[in-house]
Amino acid sequence: MSSPSAGSSPLADYGWDTTLENEFTSHRAAGLIPARVAAVDRGLCDAVAETGPLRASA
């Protein structure tokens, strides 16, 4: 599986950079996808992932 470069990632607008991408390598190999939290409201988090927006509970 190839990983996107940090600059081409939709997460780049949320501060995702090559340093974070490099640190995430082992997690990606384990099948996880990176996401950045965009907002928190009453224990719910709106996040942006490479695959699009998602909602998570804190």
PDB file of N, CA and C in Angstrom:
ATOM      1  N   MET A   1       0.851  -1.170   0.000  1.00  0.00           N
ATOM      2  CA  MET A   1       0.000   0.000   0.000  1.00  0.00           C
ATOM      3  C   MET A   1       0.894   1.230   0.000  1.00  0.00           C
ATOM      4  N   SER A   2       0.653   2.153  -0.889  1.00  0.00           N
ATOM      5  CA  SER A   2       1.445   3.373  -0.903  1.00  0.00           C
ATOM      6  C   SER A   2       0.763   4.425  -0.055  1.00  0.00           C
ATOM      7  N   SER A   3       1.577   5.295   0.521  1.00  0.00           N
ATOM      8  CA  SER A   3       1.019   6.367   1.335  1.00  0.00           C
ATOM      9  C   SER A   3       1.158   7.675   0.585  1.00  0.00           C
ATOM     10  N   PRO A   4       0.194   8.571   0.749  1.00  0.00           N
ATOM     11  CA  PRO A   4       0.265   9.853   0.055  1.00  0.00           C
ATOM     12  C   PRO A   4       1.348  10.712   0.660  1.00  0.00           C
ATOM     13  N   SER A   5       1.908  11.599  -0.147  1.00  0.00           N
ATOM     14  CA  SER A   5       2.854  12.549   0.426  1.00  0.00           C
ATOM     15  C   SER A   5       2.063  13.552   1.249  1.00  0.00           C
ATOM     16  N   ALA A   6       2.703  14.122   2.253  1.00  0.00           N
ATOM     17  CA  ALA A   6       2.010  15.036   3.159  1.00  0.00           C
ATOM     18  C   ALA A   6       1.429  16.229   2.413  1.00  0.00           C
ATOM     19  N   GLY A   7       2.133  16.731   1.399  1.00  0.00           N
ATOM     20  CA  GLY A   7       1.656  17.892   0.671  1.00  0.00           C
ATOM     21  C   GLY A   7       0.422  17.621  -0.165  1.00  0.00           C
ATOM     22  N   SER A   8       0.231  16.360  -0.590  1.00  0.00           N
ATOM     23  CA  SER A   8      -0.928  16.033  -1.415  1.00  0.00           C
ATOM     24  C   SER A   8      -2.104  15.543  -0.582  1.00  0.00           C
ATOM     25  N   SER A   9      -1.913  15.391   0.707  1.00  0.00           N
ATOM     26  CA  SER A   9      -2.958  14.896   1.591  1.00  0.00           C
ATOM     27  C   SER A   9      -3.991  15.978   1.873  1.00  0.00           C
ATOM     28  N   PRO A  10      -5.278  15.597   1.953  1.00  0.00           N
ATOM     29  CA  PRO A  10      -6.301  16.566   2.355  1.00  0.00           C
ATOM     30  C   PRO A  10      -6.047  17.099   3.764  1.00  0.00           C
ATOM     31  N   LEU A  11      -5.203  16.408   4.514  1.00  0.00           N
ATOM     32  CA  LEU A  11      -4.897  16.839   5.878  1.00  0.00           C
ATOM     33  C   LEU A  11      -3.876  17.972   5.923  1.00  0.00           C
ATOM     34  N   ALA A  12      -3.241  18.273   4.802  1.00  0.00           N
ATOM     35  CA  ALA A  12      -2.239  19.340   4.772  1.00  0.00           C
ATOM     36  C   ALA A  12      -2.835  20.673   5.217  1.00  0.00           C
ATOM     37  N   ASP A  13      -4.091  20.921   4.897  1.00  0.00           N
ATOM     38  CA  ASP A  13      -4.752  22.162   5.317  1.00  0.00           C
ATOM     39  C   ASP A  13      -4.941  22.227   6.829  1.00  0.00           C
ATOM     40  N   TYR A  14      -4.786  21.074   7.498  1.00  0.00           N
ATOM     41  CA  TYR A  14      -4.971  20.995   8.950  1.00  0.00           C
ATOM     42  C   TYR A  14      -3.646  20.765   9.673  1.00  0.00           C
ATOM     43  N   GLY A  15      -2.540  21.068   9.008  1.00  0.00           N
ATOM     44  CA  GLY A  15      -1.234  20.996   9.636  1.00  0.00           C
ATOM     45  C   GLY A  15      -0.469  19.702   9.437  1.00  0.00           C
ATOM     46  N   TRP A  16      -1.035  18.774   8.662  1.00  0.00           N
ATOM     47  CA  TRP A  16      -0.337  17.511   8.409  1.00  0.00           C
ATOM     48  C   TRP A  16       0.867  17.790   7.528  1.00  0.00           C
ATOM     49  N   ASP A  17       2.029  17.339   7.954  1.00  0.00           N
ATOM     50  CA  ASP A  17       3.245  17.605   7.190  1.00  0.00           C
ATOM     51  C   ASP A  17       4.094  16.341   7.098  1.00  0.00           C
ATOM     52  N   THR A  18       5.252  16.457   6.490  1.00  0.00           N
ATOM     53  CA  THR A  18       6.095  15.278   6.302  1.00  0.00           C
ATOM     54  C   THR A  18       6.572  14.700   7.632  1.00  0.00           C
ATOM     55  N   THR A  19       6.785  15.536   8.632  1.00  0.00           N
ATOM     56  CA  THR A  19       7.190  15.029   9.946  1.00  0.00           C
ATOM     57  C   THR A  19       6.103  14.138  10.527  1.00  0.00           C
ATOM     58  N   LEU A  20       4.859  14.606  10.510  1.00  0.00           N
ATOM     59  CA  LEU A  20       3.752  13.795  11.022  1.00  0.00           C
ATOM     60  C   LEU A  20       3.568  12.533  10.187  1.00  0.00           C
ATOM     61  N   GLU A  21       3.687  12.665   8.880  1.00  0.00           N
ATOM     62  CA  GLU A  21       3.547  11.495   8.002  1.00  0.00           C
ATOM     63  C   GLU A  21       4.604  10.448   8.339  1.00  0.00           C
ATOM     64  N   ASN A  22       5.836  10.873   8.538  1.00  0.00           N
ATOM     65  CA  ASN A  22       6.907   9.936   8.874  1.00  0.00           C
ATOM     66  C   ASN A  22       6.667   9.272  10.227  1.00  0.00           C
ATOM     67  N   GLU A  23       6.174  10.020  11.201  1.00  0.00           N
ATOM     68  CA  GLU A  23       5.899   9.462  12.519  1.00  0.00           C
ATOM     69  C   GLU A  23       4.714   8.492  12.491  1.00  0.00           C
ATOM     70  N   PHE A  24       3.834   8.643  11.522  1.00  0.00           N
ATOM     71  CA  PHE A  24       2.629   7.820  11.436  1.00  0.00           C
ATOM     72  C   PHE A  24       2.854   6.513  10.675  1.00  0.00           C
ATOM     73  N   THR A  25       4.005   6.339  10.084  1.00  0.00           N
ATOM     74  CA  THR A  25       4.273   5.196   9.207  1.00  0.00           C
ATOM     75  C   THR A  25       3.913   3.856   9.840  1.00  0.00           C
ATOM     76  N   SER A  26       4.321   3.614  11.071  1.00  0.00           N
ATOM     77  CA  SER A  26       4.040   2.314  11.700  1.00  0.00           C
ATOM     78  C   SER A  26       2.548   2.127  11.959  1.00  0.00           C
ATOM     79  N   HIS A  27       1.841   3.213  12.253  1.00  0.00           N
ATOM     80  CA  HIS A  27       0.391   3.127  12.471  1.00  0.00           C
ATOM     81  C   HIS A  27      -0.334   2.822  11.156  1.00  0.00           C
ATOM     82  N   ARG A  28       0.129   3.450  10.078  1.00  0.00           N
ATOM     83  CA  ARG A  28      -0.467   3.186   8.756  1.00  0.00           C
ATOM     84  C   ARG A  28      -0.255   1.720   8.378  1.00  0.00           C
ATOM     85  N   ALA A  29       0.933   1.193   8.691  1.00  0.00           N
ATOM     86  CA  ALA A  29       1.228  -0.212   8.397  1.00  0.00           C
ATOM     87  C   ALA A  29       0.300  -1.148   9.176  1.00  0.00           C
ATOM     88  N   ALA A  30      -0.197  -0.673  10.319  1.00  0.00           N
ATOM     89  CA  ALA A  30      -1.123  -1.466  11.133  1.00  0.00           C
ATOM     90  C   ALA A  30      -2.570  -1.309  10.671  1.00  0.00           C
ATOM     91  N   GLY A  31      -2.782  -0.546   9.579  1.00  0.00           N
ATOM     92  CA  GLY A  31      -4.123  -0.406   9.023  1.00  0.00           C
ATOM     93  C   GLY A  31      -4.887   0.817   9.485  1.00  0.00           C
ATOM     94  N   LEU A  32      -4.241   1.685  10.260  1.00  0.00           N
ATOM     95  CA  LEU A  32      -4.918   2.899  10.727  1.00  0.00           C
ATOM     96  C   LEU A  32      -4.772   4.010   9.700  1.00  0.00           C
ATOM     97  N   ILE A  33      -5.695   4.968   9.738  1.00  0.00           N
ATOM     98  CA  ILE A  33      -5.606   6.124   8.851  1.00  0.00           C
ATOM     99  C   ILE A  33      -5.474   7.381   9.704  1.00  0.00           C
ATOM    100  N   PRO A  34      -4.691   8.348   9.250  1.00  0.00           N
ATOM    101  CA  PRO A  34      -4.539   9.574  10.024  1.00  0.00           C
ATOM    102  C   PRO A  34      -5.765  10.469   9.893  1.00  0.00           C
ATOM    103  N   ALA A  35      -6.005  11.233  10.932  1.00  0.00           N
ATOM    104  CA  ALA A  35      -7.088  12.222  10.929  1.00  0.00           C
ATOM    105  C   ALA A  35      -6.680  13.369  11.835  1.00  0.00           C
ATOM    106  N   ARG A  36      -7.248  14.525  11.598  1.00  0.00           N
ATOM    107  CA  ARG A  36      -7.006  15.700  12.434  1.00  0.00           C
ATOM    108  C   ARG A  36      -8.339  16.159  12.995  1.00  0.00           C
ATOM    109  N   VAL A  37      -8.361  16.452  14.287  1.00  0.00           N
ATOM    110  CA  VAL A  37      -9.581  16.942  14.924  1.00  0.00           C
ATOM    111  C   VAL A  37      -9.792  18.390  14.505  1.00  0.00           C
ATOM    112  N   ALA A  38     -10.986  18.680  13.989  1.00  0.00           N
ATOM    113  CA  ALA A  38     -11.319  20.027  13.529  1.00  0.00           C
ATOM    114  C   ALA A  38     -12.159  20.783  14.551  1.00  0.00           C
ATOM    115  N   ALA A  39     -12.974  20.062  15.345  1.00  0.00           N
ATOM    116  CA  ALA A  39     -13.836  20.712  16.340  1.00  0.00           C
ATOM    117  C   ALA A  39     -14.236  19.693  17.402  1.00  0.00           C
ATOM    118  N   VAL A  40     -14.445  20.197  18.621  1.00  0.00           N
ATOM    119  CA  VAL A  40     -14.917  19.361  19.725  1.00  0.00           C
ATOM    120  C   VAL A  40     -16.129  20.042  20.337  1.00  0.00           C
ATOM    121  N   ASP A  41     -17.203  19.276  20.542  1.00  0.00           N
ATOM    122  CA  ASP A  41     -18.411  19.827  21.142  1.00  0.00           C
ATOM    123  C   ASP A  41     -19.079  18.756  21.990  1.00  0.00           C
ATOM    124  N   ARG A  42     -19.099  18.970  23.298  1.00  0.00           N
ATOM    125  CA  ARG A  42     -19.775  18.061  24.233  1.00  0.00           C
ATOM    126  C   ARG A  42     -19.374  16.603  24.059  1.00  0.00           C
ATOM    127  N   GLY A  43     -18.089  16.373  23.953  1.00  0.00           N
ATOM    128  CA  GLY A  43     -17.592  15.012  23.878  1.00  0.00           C
ATOM    129  C   GLY A  43     -17.586  14.392  22.498  1.00  0.00           C
ATOM    130  N   LEU A  44     -18.070  15.105  21.494  1.00  0.00           N
ATOM    131  CA  LEU A  44     -18.009  14.618  20.118  1.00  0.00           C
ATOM    132  C   LEU A  44     -16.950  15.405  19.365  1.00  0.00           C
ATOM    133  N   CYS A  45     -16.202  14.717  18.548  1.00  0.00           N
ATOM    134  CA  CYS A  45     -15.139  15.355  17.773  1.00  0.00           C
ATOM    135  C   CYS A  45     -15.466  15.252  16.289  1.00  0.00           C
ATOM    136  N   ASP A  46     -15.393  16.375  15.608  1.00  0.00           N
ATOM    137  CA  ASP A  46     -15.450  16.372  14.151  1.00  0.00           C
ATOM    138  C   ASP A  46     -14.007  16.301  13.682  1.00  0.00           C
ATOM    139  N   ALA A  47     -13.714  15.322  12.870  1.00  0.00           N
ATOM    140  CA  ALA A  47     -12.352  15.130  12.392  1.00  0.00           C
ATOM    141  C   ALA A  47     -12.347  15.061  10.874  1.00  0.00           C
ATOM    142  N   VAL A  48     -11.178  15.310  10.322  1.00  0.00           N
ATOM    143  CA  VAL A  48     -10.979  15.203   8.882  1.00  0.00           C
ATOM    144  C   VAL A  48      -9.930  14.119   8.671  1.00  0.00           C
ATOM    145  N   ALA A  49     -10.277  13.127   7.884  1.00  0.00           N
ATOM    146  CA  ALA A  49      -9.359  12.037   7.549  1.00  0.00           C
ATOM    147  C   ALA A  49      -9.062  12.092   6.056  1.00  0.00           C
ATOM    148  N   GLU A  50      -8.095  11.305   5.631  1.00  0.00           N
ATOM    149  CA  GLU A  50      -7.793  11.232   4.199  1.00  0.00           C
ATOM    150  C   GLU A  50      -9.012  10.799   3.401  1.00  0.00           C
ATOM    151  N   THR A  51      -9.885  10.045   4.037  1.00  0.00           N
ATOM    152  CA  THR A  51     -11.070   9.514   3.365  1.00  0.00           C
ATOM    153  C   THR A  51     -12.269  10.447   3.449  1.00  0.00           C
ATOM    154  N   GLY A  52     -12.133  11.566   4.174  1.00  0.00           N
ATOM    155  CA  GLY A  52     -13.215  12.529   4.312  1.00  0.00           C
ATOM    156  C   GLY A  52     -13.527  12.824   5.766  1.00  0.00           C
ATOM    157  N   PRO A  53     -14.582  13.612   6.009  1.00  0.00           N
ATOM    158  CA  PRO A  53     -14.928  13.981   7.385  1.00  0.00           C
ATOM    159  C   PRO A  53     -15.514  12.796   8.149  1.00  0.00           C
ATOM    160  N   LEU A  54     -15.336  12.817   9.462  1.00  0.00           N
ATOM    161  CA  LEU A  54     -15.916  11.791  10.315  1.00  0.00           C
ATOM    162  C   LEU A  54     -16.207  12.371  11.686  1.00  0.00           C
ATOM    163  N   ARG A  55     -17.020  11.668  12.454  1.00  0.00           N
ATOM    164  CA  ARG A  55     -17.374  12.088  13.806  1.00  0.00           C
ATOM    165  C   ARG A  55     -16.932  10.992  14.762  1.00  0.00           C
ATOM    166  N   ALA A  56     -16.305  11.395  15.848  1.00  0.00           N
ATOM    167  CA  ALA A  56     -15.826  10.436  16.845  1.00  0.00           C
ATOM    168  C   ALA A  56     -16.230  10.914  18.225  1.00  0.00           C
ATOM    169  N   SER A  57     -16.358   9.982  19.151  1.00  0.00           N
ATOM    170  CA  SER A  57     -16.636  10.369  20.535  1.00  0.00           C
ATOM    171  C   SER A  57     -15.326  10.424  21.302  1.00  0.00           C
ATOM    172  N   ALA A  58     -15.266  11.355  22.228  1.00  0.00           N
ATOM    173  CA  ALA A  58     -14.039  11.543  23.013  1.00  0.00           C
ATOM    174  C   ALA A  58     -13.949  10.524  24.111  1.00  0.00           C
TER     175      ALA A  58
END
